Amino acid sequence: MFTRVLANCTVSDLDRAEQWYAGLFGRGPDARPMAGLLEWHLADTFGVQVWSEPDRAGKSSVVLEVTDLDDAVARADAAGMEHAGPQPGGGRRILQLSDPDGNRVVLSGD
């Protein structure tokens, strides 16, 4: 039985990625379990890992559901993240973002 999910994004520059993901989540990482790995624990049973893997960087994709997409847009704007604004997608609204390596991070919400 599965009890936890950690989505993964691979990056080429961990320091640059840490700044970007800290802007996305509104805080720094919750854990640094080993060299080259950052973790954000977004709830008891799920989170996001950011790995330093230059050979695989930019090939990840993650979809995160948020309670308030407009608030997420405001946080993205405050962090200086480029985006095209909320769009319809999958019966909800989505915000498509790309981290500095080109990993796709999609926020879904009302």
N, C-alpha and C. Protein backbone atom coordinates (compact mmCIF):
# COMPACT_ATOMS: atom_id res chain seq x y z
N MET A 1 0.84 -1.18 0.00
CA MET A 1 0.00 0.00 0.00
C MET A 1 0.88 1.24 0.00
N PHE A 2 0.50 2.20 -0.79
CA PHE A 2 1.26 3.45 -0.88
C PHE A 2 0.73 4.45 0.14
N THR A 3 1.63 5.17 0.76
CA THR A 3 1.22 6.12 1.80
C THR A 3 1.75 7.53 1.60
N ARG A 4 2.66 7.72 0.62
CA ARG A 4 3.24 9.05 0.44
C ARG A 4 3.71 9.21 -0.99
N VAL A 5 3.63 10.43 -1.51
CA VAL A 5 4.13 10.73 -2.85
C VAL A 5 5.06 11.94 -2.75
N LEU A 6 6.21 11.80 -3.38
CA LEU A 6 7.14 12.92 -3.53
C LEU A 6 7.41 13.08 -5.02
N ALA A 7 6.90 14.16 -5.59
CA ALA A 7 7.16 14.46 -6.99
C ALA A 7 8.61 14.92 -7.11
N ASN A 8 9.22 14.67 -8.25
CA ASN A 8 10.63 15.01 -8.44
C ASN A 8 10.83 15.94 -9.62
N CYS A 9 11.69 16.92 -9.44
CA CYS A 9 12.14 17.78 -10.53
C CYS A 9 13.67 17.75 -10.49
N THR A 10 14.26 17.54 -11.66
CA THR A 10 15.72 17.49 -11.75
C THR A 10 16.24 18.81 -12.32
N VAL A 11 17.31 19.31 -11.72
CA VAL A 11 17.83 20.64 -12.07
C VAL A 11 19.33 20.60 -12.28
N SER A 12 19.84 21.62 -12.94
CA SER A 12 21.28 21.72 -13.18
C SER A 12 22.01 22.56 -12.14
N ASP A 13 21.30 23.49 -11.50
CA ASP A 13 21.91 24.39 -10.52
C ASP A 13 21.01 24.42 -9.29
N LEU A 14 21.42 23.72 -8.26
CA LEU A 14 20.57 23.57 -7.07
C LEU A 14 20.32 24.89 -6.36
N ASP A 15 21.31 25.77 -6.28
CA ASP A 15 21.11 27.06 -5.61
C ASP A 15 20.08 27.90 -6.35
N ARG A 16 20.19 27.97 -7.66
CA ARG A 16 19.22 28.73 -8.47
C ARG A 16 17.83 28.11 -8.34
N ALA A 17 17.75 26.79 -8.37
CA ALA A 17 16.47 26.10 -8.23
C ALA A 17 15.86 26.34 -6.85
N GLU A 18 16.69 26.35 -5.82
CA GLU A 18 16.18 26.58 -4.48
C GLU A 18 15.49 27.95 -4.39
N GLN A 19 16.09 28.95 -4.99
CA GLN A 19 15.47 30.28 -4.98
C GLN A 19 14.13 30.26 -5.71
N TRP A 20 14.09 29.59 -6.86
CA TRP A 20 12.86 29.57 -7.66
C TRP A 20 11.75 28.82 -6.92
N TYR A 21 12.04 27.63 -6.40
CA TYR A 21 11.02 26.84 -5.71
C TYR A 21 10.62 27.49 -4.38
N ALA A 22 11.55 28.16 -3.72
CA ALA A 22 11.19 28.91 -2.50
C ALA A 22 10.20 30.02 -2.85
N GLY A 23 10.37 30.67 -4.00
CA GLY A 23 9.40 31.67 -4.44
C GLY A 23 8.06 31.04 -4.75
N LEU A 24 8.07 29.87 -5.37
CA LEU A 24 6.82 29.17 -5.68
C LEU A 24 6.07 28.77 -4.43
N PHE A 25 6.78 28.18 -3.46
CA PHE A 25 6.14 27.67 -2.25
C PHE A 25 6.06 28.68 -1.11
N GLY A 26 6.69 29.83 -1.29
CA GLY A 26 6.62 30.87 -0.27
C GLY A 26 7.50 30.61 0.94
N ARG A 27 8.45 29.68 0.81
CA ARG A 27 9.34 29.36 1.91
C ARG A 27 10.47 28.47 1.41
N GLY A 28 11.49 28.38 2.21
CA GLY A 28 12.62 27.51 1.87
C GLY A 28 12.26 26.05 2.03
N PRO A 29 13.19 25.17 1.69
CA PRO A 29 12.93 23.73 1.78
C PRO A 29 12.74 23.29 3.22
N ASP A 30 11.96 22.23 3.38
CA ASP A 30 11.73 21.65 4.70
C ASP A 30 12.83 20.69 5.10
N ALA A 31 13.51 20.12 4.12
CA ALA A 31 14.56 19.14 4.43
C ALA A 31 15.62 19.15 3.34
N ARG A 32 16.80 18.73 3.75
CA ARG A 32 17.94 18.51 2.86
C ARG A 32 18.47 17.12 3.21
N PRO A 33 17.76 16.07 2.75
CA PRO A 33 18.07 14.72 3.20
C PRO A 33 19.47 14.22 2.84
N MET A 34 20.03 14.74 1.76
CA MET A 34 21.38 14.34 1.34
C MET A 34 21.91 15.41 0.40
N ALA A 35 23.18 15.33 0.11
CA ALA A 35 23.78 16.30 -0.82
C ALA A 35 23.05 16.25 -2.15
N GLY A 36 22.72 17.43 -2.69
CA GLY A 36 22.08 17.52 -3.99
C GLY A 36 20.58 17.34 -3.99
N LEU A 37 19.94 17.32 -2.82
CA LEU A 37 18.50 17.09 -2.73
C LEU A 37 17.84 18.07 -1.78
N LEU A 38 16.78 18.71 -2.25
CA LEU A 38 15.94 19.59 -1.43
C LEU A 38 14.54 19.02 -1.41
N GLU A 39 13.84 19.15 -0.28
CA GLU A 39 12.46 18.68 -0.18
C GLU A 39 11.55 19.75 0.40
N TRP A 40 10.39 19.89 -0.21
CA TRP A 40 9.32 20.71 0.34
C TRP A 40 8.19 19.75 0.69
N HIS A 41 7.81 19.72 1.97
CA HIS A 41 6.72 18.87 2.44
C HIS A 41 5.45 19.73 2.41
N LEU A 42 4.62 19.51 1.41
CA LEU A 42 3.45 20.36 1.19
C LEU A 42 2.23 19.91 1.98
N ALA A 43 2.24 18.69 2.44
CA ALA A 43 1.19 18.14 3.32
C ALA A 43 1.80 16.90 3.97
N ASP A 44 1.04 16.25 4.83
CA ASP A 44 1.56 15.07 5.51
C ASP A 44 1.95 13.95 4.55
N THR A 45 1.26 13.85 3.43
CA THR A 45 1.45 12.70 2.56
C THR A 45 1.99 13.03 1.17
N PHE A 46 2.37 14.26 0.92
CA PHE A 46 2.95 14.58 -0.38
C PHE A 46 3.87 15.78 -0.30
N GLY A 47 4.75 15.84 -1.30
CA GLY A 47 5.69 16.94 -1.37
C GLY A 47 6.42 16.93 -2.70
N VAL A 48 7.42 17.79 -2.80
CA VAL A 48 8.22 17.92 -4.01
C VAL A 48 9.69 17.82 -3.63
N GLN A 49 10.42 17.00 -4.39
CA GLN A 49 11.86 16.91 -4.26
C GLN A 49 12.50 17.60 -5.45
N VAL A 50 13.57 18.32 -5.20
CA VAL A 50 14.34 18.97 -6.26
C VAL A 50 15.75 18.39 -6.18
N TRP A 51 16.11 17.66 -7.24
CA TRP A 51 17.38 16.95 -7.31
C TRP A 51 18.36 17.67 -8.24
N SER A 52 19.61 17.71 -7.83
CA SER A 52 20.67 18.18 -8.72
C SER A 52 21.09 17.00 -9.59
N GLU A 53 20.62 16.98 -10.82
CA GLU A 53 20.98 15.95 -11.80
C GLU A 53 21.12 16.64 -13.16
N PRO A 54 22.26 17.30 -13.38
CA PRO A 54 22.43 18.09 -14.60
C PRO A 54 22.13 17.33 -15.90
N ASP A 55 22.44 16.04 -15.96
CA ASP A 55 22.19 15.28 -17.19
C ASP A 55 20.71 15.08 -17.49
N ARG A 56 19.87 15.14 -16.46
CA ARG A 56 18.43 14.95 -16.64
C ARG A 56 17.64 16.24 -16.44
N ALA A 57 18.31 17.33 -16.16
CA ALA A 57 17.64 18.59 -15.83
C ALA A 57 16.70 19.05 -16.93
N GLY A 58 15.56 19.58 -16.50
CA GLY A 58 14.61 20.17 -17.43
C GLY A 58 13.65 19.19 -18.07
N LYS A 59 13.64 17.96 -17.65
CA LYS A 59 12.78 16.96 -18.26
C LYS A 59 11.66 16.50 -17.33
N SER A 60 11.44 17.23 -16.25
CA SER A 60 10.43 16.85 -15.27
C SER A 60 9.14 17.64 -15.47
N SER A 61 8.07 17.08 -14.97
CA SER A 61 6.77 17.74 -15.00
C SER A 61 6.01 17.36 -13.75
N VAL A 62 5.36 18.34 -13.14
CA VAL A 62 4.59 18.08 -11.93
C VAL A 62 3.34 18.94 -11.96
N VAL A 63 2.22 18.39 -11.51
CA VAL A 63 0.96 19.12 -11.41
C VAL A 63 0.59 19.15 -9.93
N LEU A 64 0.34 20.35 -9.43
CA LEU A 64 -0.02 20.53 -8.02
C LEU A 64 -1.36 21.24 -7.94
N GLU A 65 -2.28 20.68 -7.17
CA GLU A 65 -3.57 21.34 -6.97
C GLU A 65 -3.45 22.31 -5.81
N VAL A 66 -3.98 23.51 -6.00
CA VAL A 66 -3.94 24.55 -4.97
C VAL A 66 -5.36 24.94 -4.57
N THR A 67 -5.50 25.46 -3.37
CA THR A 67 -6.82 25.86 -2.90
C THR A 67 -7.26 27.19 -3.50
N ASP A 68 -6.32 28.05 -3.86
CA ASP A 68 -6.65 29.37 -4.39
C ASP A 68 -5.67 29.72 -5.50
N LEU A 69 -6.09 29.53 -6.74
CA LEU A 69 -5.19 29.77 -7.87
C LEU A 69 -4.83 31.25 -7.98
N ASP A 70 -5.75 32.14 -7.68
CA ASP A 70 -5.43 33.57 -7.75
C ASP A 70 -4.32 33.95 -6.78
N ASP A 71 -4.33 33.34 -5.60
CA ASP A 71 -3.26 33.57 -4.63
C ASP A 71 -1.94 33.02 -5.17
N ALA A 72 -1.98 31.86 -5.81
CA ALA A 72 -0.77 31.29 -6.40
C ALA A 72 -0.23 32.18 -7.51
N VAL A 73 -1.11 32.77 -8.30
CA VAL A 73 -0.68 33.71 -9.35
C VAL A 73 0.01 34.91 -8.71
N ALA A 74 -0.57 35.43 -7.64
CA ALA A 74 0.02 36.58 -6.95
C ALA A 74 1.40 36.24 -6.40
N ARG A 75 1.57 35.04 -5.84
CA ARG A 75 2.88 34.61 -5.33
C ARG A 75 3.88 34.49 -6.48
N ALA A 76 3.44 33.91 -7.59
CA ALA A 76 4.32 33.78 -8.76
C ALA A 76 4.75 35.16 -9.26
N ASP A 77 3.82 36.08 -9.32
CA ASP A 77 4.13 37.45 -9.74
C ASP A 77 5.13 38.10 -8.79
N ALA A 78 4.89 37.96 -7.48
CA ALA A 78 5.78 38.55 -6.48
C ALA A 78 7.19 37.97 -6.56
N ALA A 79 7.29 36.70 -6.97
CA ALA A 79 8.59 36.05 -7.10
C ALA A 79 9.24 36.32 -8.46
N GLY A 80 8.56 37.07 -9.32
CA GLY A 80 9.11 37.41 -10.63
C GLY A 80 9.07 36.28 -11.64
N MET A 81 8.16 35.34 -11.45
CA MET A 81 8.04 34.20 -12.37
C MET A 81 7.23 34.59 -13.59
N GLU A 82 7.76 34.25 -14.75
CA GLU A 82 7.04 34.53 -15.99
C GLU A 82 5.97 33.48 -16.22
N HIS A 83 4.80 33.94 -16.70
CA HIS A 83 3.70 33.03 -17.02
C HIS A 83 2.70 33.77 -17.88
N ALA A 84 1.79 33.00 -18.46
CA ALA A 84 0.76 33.58 -19.34
C ALA A 84 -0.56 33.78 -18.61
N GLY A 85 -0.57 33.66 -17.29
CA GLY A 85 -1.78 33.82 -16.52
C GLY A 85 -2.60 32.54 -16.49
N PRO A 86 -3.64 32.56 -15.67
CA PRO A 86 -4.51 31.38 -15.56
C PRO A 86 -5.20 31.09 -16.90
N GLN A 87 -5.34 29.80 -17.19
CA GLN A 87 -6.00 29.34 -18.40
C GLN A 87 -6.93 28.19 -18.05
N PRO A 88 -7.95 27.95 -18.88
CA PRO A 88 -8.78 26.77 -18.63
C PRO A 88 -7.98 25.50 -18.91
N GLY A 89 -8.24 24.48 -18.10
CA GLY A 89 -7.55 23.20 -18.31
C GLY A 89 -8.13 22.12 -17.44
N GLY A 90 -8.59 21.05 -18.05
CA GLY A 90 -9.09 19.91 -17.28
C GLY A 90 -10.32 20.22 -16.45
N GLY A 91 -11.16 21.13 -16.91
CA GLY A 91 -12.36 21.48 -16.15
C GLY A 91 -12.11 22.46 -15.02
N ARG A 92 -10.89 22.91 -14.88
CA ARG A 92 -10.53 23.89 -13.84
C ARG A 92 -9.70 24.98 -14.50
N ARG A 93 -9.08 25.81 -13.70
CA ARG A 93 -8.11 26.76 -14.22
C ARG A 93 -6.72 26.25 -13.85
N ILE A 94 -5.77 26.53 -14.73
CA ILE A 94 -4.39 26.13 -14.46
C ILE A 94 -3.45 27.31 -14.69
N LEU A 95 -2.33 27.25 -14.02
CA LEU A 95 -1.24 28.20 -14.23
C LEU A 95 -0.02 27.38 -14.59
N GLN A 96 0.49 27.59 -15.80
CA GLN A 96 1.66 26.85 -16.25
C GLN A 96 2.92 27.67 -16.00
N LEU A 97 3.86 27.05 -15.30
CA LEU A 97 5.13 27.68 -14.97
C LEU A 97 6.26 26.80 -15.46
N SER A 98 7.42 27.39 -15.64
CA SER A 98 8.64 26.64 -15.95
C SER A 98 9.73 27.12 -15.02
N ASP A 99 10.42 26.17 -14.39
CA ASP A 99 11.54 26.56 -13.54
C ASP A 99 12.73 26.95 -14.44
N PRO A 100 13.82 27.43 -13.87
CA PRO A 100 14.95 27.90 -14.70
C PRO A 100 15.53 26.85 -15.66
N ASP A 101 15.33 25.57 -15.38
CA ASP A 101 15.81 24.51 -16.28
C ASP A 101 14.77 24.10 -17.31
N GLY A 102 13.55 24.62 -17.19
CA GLY A 102 12.50 24.26 -18.12
C GLY A 102 11.57 23.16 -17.63
N ASN A 103 11.74 22.71 -16.38
CA ASN A 103 10.79 21.75 -15.82
C ASN A 103 9.42 22.39 -15.77
N ARG A 104 8.40 21.66 -16.16
CA ARG A 104 7.03 22.20 -16.15
C ARG A 104 6.41 21.98 -14.78
N VAL A 105 5.91 23.07 -14.21
CA VAL A 105 5.18 23.03 -12.94
C VAL A 105 3.82 23.65 -13.23
N VAL A 106 2.78 22.85 -13.11
CA VAL A 106 1.42 23.30 -13.39
C VAL A 106 0.65 23.35 -12.09
N LEU A 107 0.05 24.50 -11.82
CA LEU A 107 -0.81 24.66 -10.64
C LEU A 107 -2.24 24.62 -11.12
N SER A 108 -3.07 23.85 -10.45
CA SER A 108 -4.47 23.68 -10.83
C SER A 108 -5.34 24.09 -9.66
N GLY A 109 -6.39 24.86 -9.93
CA GLY A 109 -7.28 25.28 -8.85
C GLY A 109 -8.43 26.07 -9.36
N ASP A 110 -9.25 26.53 -8.43
CA ASP A 110 -10.42 27.33 -8.76
C ASP A 110 -10.08 28.81 -8.74
